[in-house]
Amino acid sequence: MINVLMVLKTQSLKNDQRVLKELASFKKLGAEVDVFVAKDCDLSQSNFDYPLYETKIFGGAAPSRIIVRIIGILQFYIKAMSFIAFKSYSVVWVCDPIMFLLVLALKKIKPELKVVWDHHELPPSWFLESKYLKRIFKIAYIKTDIVIHANKYRQEF
């Protein structure tokens, strides 16, 4: 049986239809799925069908200030890697282009781990303005086992 860890930041997991559909698809295929999430909604394990590992990050899942977002995502990377380091998942499904450093860290620390990177949206504009960040992003893209794009436009972007 395949065991999958879905890693994401979302404002409202209980209303994130994309994620809920992906989880339902995994369940239909017979996979065991855990969810590691930073979220800004009230959702407890008792009203969610999958093992839920919630983490709090600085500024919440989607703060408005860029510096707070950067600090929060770095904190999220550290917490996610600490969580994954001692687990034995077959696949880690990483949601969001901004998780590029997490993808690189996973492939460096656990090269045998299959990493799926779900690009359901475009990277933020401040990110796209940095040639350095885009270069690292491309490396992460190449090292990922499977990249999923929401549509053709995002794939070609």
Protein backbone atom coordinates (compact mmCIF):
# COMPACT_ATOMS: atom_id res chain seq x y z
CA MET A 1 0.00 0.00 0.00
CA ILE A 2 1.20 3.49 -0.84
CA ASN A 3 1.45 5.90 2.06
CA VAL A 4 1.34 9.57 1.12
CA LEU A 5 2.00 12.73 3.06
CA MET A 6 0.34 15.83 1.66
CA VAL A 7 2.19 18.99 2.72
CA LEU A 8 0.47 22.34 2.34
CA LYS A 9 -0.32 25.82 3.59
CA THR A 10 -3.91 26.94 3.16
CA GLN A 11 -6.23 29.49 4.64
CA SER A 12 -9.13 27.06 4.85
CA LEU A 13 -8.50 23.36 4.49
CA LYS A 14 -12.15 22.50 4.98
CA ASN A 15 -13.06 24.71 1.97
CA ASP A 16 -10.06 23.99 -0.27
CA GLN A 17 -11.85 21.98 -2.96
CA ARG A 18 -8.67 21.24 -4.91
CA VAL A 19 -7.05 19.57 -1.91
CA LEU A 20 -10.23 17.77 -0.86
CA LYS A 21 -10.60 16.32 -4.39
CA GLU A 22 -6.97 15.16 -4.37
CA LEU A 23 -7.47 13.51 -0.98
CA ALA A 24 -10.63 11.77 -2.24
CA SER A 25 -8.70 10.51 -5.27
CA PHE A 26 -5.97 9.05 -3.06
CA LYS A 27 -8.58 7.33 -0.90
CA LYS A 28 -10.32 5.92 -3.98
CA LEU A 29 -6.97 4.45 -5.11
CA GLY A 30 -6.51 2.82 -1.71
CA ALA A 31 -3.63 4.99 -0.54
CA GLU A 32 -3.12 5.89 3.09
CA VAL A 33 -2.87 9.67 3.33
CA ASP A 34 -1.69 11.95 6.12
CA VAL A 35 -1.89 15.75 5.92
CA PHE A 36 0.76 18.11 7.31
CA VAL A 37 -0.70 21.59 7.18
CA ALA A 38 -0.44 25.19 8.28
CA LYS A 39 -3.94 26.59 8.09
CA ASP A 40 -6.01 29.53 9.24
CA CYS A 41 -9.30 27.78 9.92
CA ASP A 42 -10.88 25.82 12.70
CA LEU A 43 -10.77 22.22 11.63
CA SER A 44 -10.10 19.44 14.07
CA GLN A 45 -9.19 15.81 13.54
CA SER A 46 -12.68 14.78 14.63
CA ASN A 47 -14.27 16.36 11.54
CA PHE A 48 -11.60 15.44 8.99
CA ASP A 49 -11.28 12.00 7.35
CA TYR A 50 -7.46 11.87 7.25
CA PRO A 51 -4.75 11.98 9.91
CA LEU A 52 -4.08 15.69 10.35
CA TYR A 53 -0.80 17.12 11.61
CA GLU A 54 -1.26 20.83 12.07
CA THR A 55 1.56 23.27 12.61
CA LYS A 56 1.43 26.93 13.47
CA ILE A 57 3.70 29.33 11.64
CA PHE A 58 4.60 32.96 12.14
CA GLY A 59 1.94 35.18 10.57
CA GLY A 60 -0.45 32.32 9.78
CA ALA A 61 -0.93 30.53 6.47
CA ALA A 62 -1.30 33.64 4.29
CA PRO A 63 -0.08 36.89 5.85
CA SER A 64 -0.17 40.07 3.77
CA ARG A 65 3.35 41.39 4.50
CA ILE A 66 6.12 39.84 2.38
CA ILE A 67 8.72 39.63 5.17
CA VAL A 68 6.20 37.84 7.41
CA ARG A 69 5.45 35.41 4.55
CA ILE A 70 9.15 34.68 4.07
CA ILE A 71 9.73 34.06 7.78
CA GLY A 72 6.60 31.90 7.93
CA ILE A 73 7.53 29.76 4.94
CA LEU A 74 11.07 29.21 6.25
CA GLN A 75 9.60 28.17 9.59
CA PHE A 76 7.18 25.86 7.73
CA TYR A 77 10.08 24.24 5.80
CA ILE A 78 11.91 23.50 9.05
CA LYS A 79 8.83 22.07 10.75
CA ALA A 80 7.89 19.95 7.73
CA MET A 81 11.41 18.56 7.36
CA SER A 82 11.56 17.76 11.08
CA PHE A 83 8.26 15.93 10.78
CA ILE A 84 9.20 13.99 7.62
CA ALA A 85 12.76 13.10 8.68
CA PHE A 86 11.66 10.30 11.00
CA LYS A 87 8.64 9.05 9.05
CA SER A 88 8.53 6.47 6.28
CA TYR A 89 6.24 7.79 3.58
CA SER A 90 6.42 6.43 0.02
CA VAL A 91 5.36 9.74 -1.49
CA VAL A 92 5.34 13.34 -0.31
CA TRP A 93 2.86 15.50 -2.20
CA VAL A 94 3.96 19.13 -1.89
CA CYS A 95 1.34 21.75 -2.73
CA ASP A 96 2.35 25.21 -3.93
CA PRO A 97 5.22 26.56 -6.03
CA ILE A 98 6.59 28.50 -3.06
CA MET A 99 7.59 25.16 -1.50
CA PHE A 100 10.60 24.88 -3.84
CA LEU A 101 13.17 24.80 -1.01
CA LEU A 102 11.22 22.05 0.73
CA VAL A 103 11.32 20.01 -2.49
CA LEU A 104 15.10 20.45 -2.69
CA ALA A 105 15.59 19.54 0.98
CA LEU A 106 13.45 16.41 0.65
CA LYS A 107 15.38 15.17 -2.39
CA LYS A 108 18.71 15.92 -0.66
CA ILE A 109 17.91 14.26 2.68
CA LYS A 110 15.75 11.39 1.37
CA PRO A 111 16.68 10.85 -2.29
CA GLU A 112 14.67 7.61 -2.47
CA LEU A 113 11.48 9.48 -1.52
CA LYS A 114 9.09 10.18 -4.39
CA VAL A 115 8.17 13.85 -4.45
CA VAL A 116 5.12 15.17 -6.28
CA TRP A 117 5.01 18.94 -6.61
CA ASP A 118 1.55 20.36 -7.25
CA HIS A 119 1.65 23.76 -9.00
CA HIS A 120 -1.94 24.79 -8.52
CA GLU A 121 -1.01 28.46 -8.76
CA LEU A 122 1.78 30.67 -10.03
CA PRO A 123 4.63 31.78 -7.77
CA PRO A 124 4.14 35.25 -6.24
CA SER A 125 5.29 38.27 -8.27
CA TRP A 126 8.07 39.21 -5.78
CA PHE A 127 9.46 35.73 -6.32
CA LEU A 128 9.38 35.98 -10.10
CA GLU A 129 11.41 39.20 -10.00
CA SER A 130 14.46 37.42 -8.53
CA LYS A 131 16.78 35.67 -11.00
CA TYR A 132 18.43 33.85 -8.08
CA LEU A 133 15.16 32.43 -6.76
CA LYS A 134 14.04 31.44 -10.25
CA ARG A 135 17.33 29.57 -10.78
CA ILE A 136 16.84 27.59 -7.55
CA PHE A 137 13.20 27.02 -8.50
CA LYS A 138 14.29 25.46 -11.82
CA ILE A 139 16.69 23.11 -10.00
CA ALA A 140 13.87 22.00 -7.69
CA TYR A 141 11.61 21.54 -10.71
CA ILE A 142 14.14 19.21 -12.36
CA LYS A 143 14.75 17.18 -9.17
CA THR A 144 11.04 16.58 -8.54
CA ASP A 145 9.75 13.15 -9.54
CA ILE A 146 6.36 14.40 -10.76
CA VAL A 147 5.20 17.99 -11.35
CA ILE A 148 1.49 18.69 -11.67
CA HIS A 149 0.16 21.90 -13.21
CA ALA A 150 -3.38 23.20 -12.83
CA ASN A 151 -3.54 24.06 -16.52
CA LYS A 152 -1.50 24.50 -19.72
CA TYR A 153 -0.88 28.22 -19.09
CA ARG A 154 0.76 27.53 -15.74
CA GLN A 155 2.79 24.71 -17.23
CA GLU A 156 4.20 26.95 -19.95
CA PHE A 157 4.82 29.82 -17.54
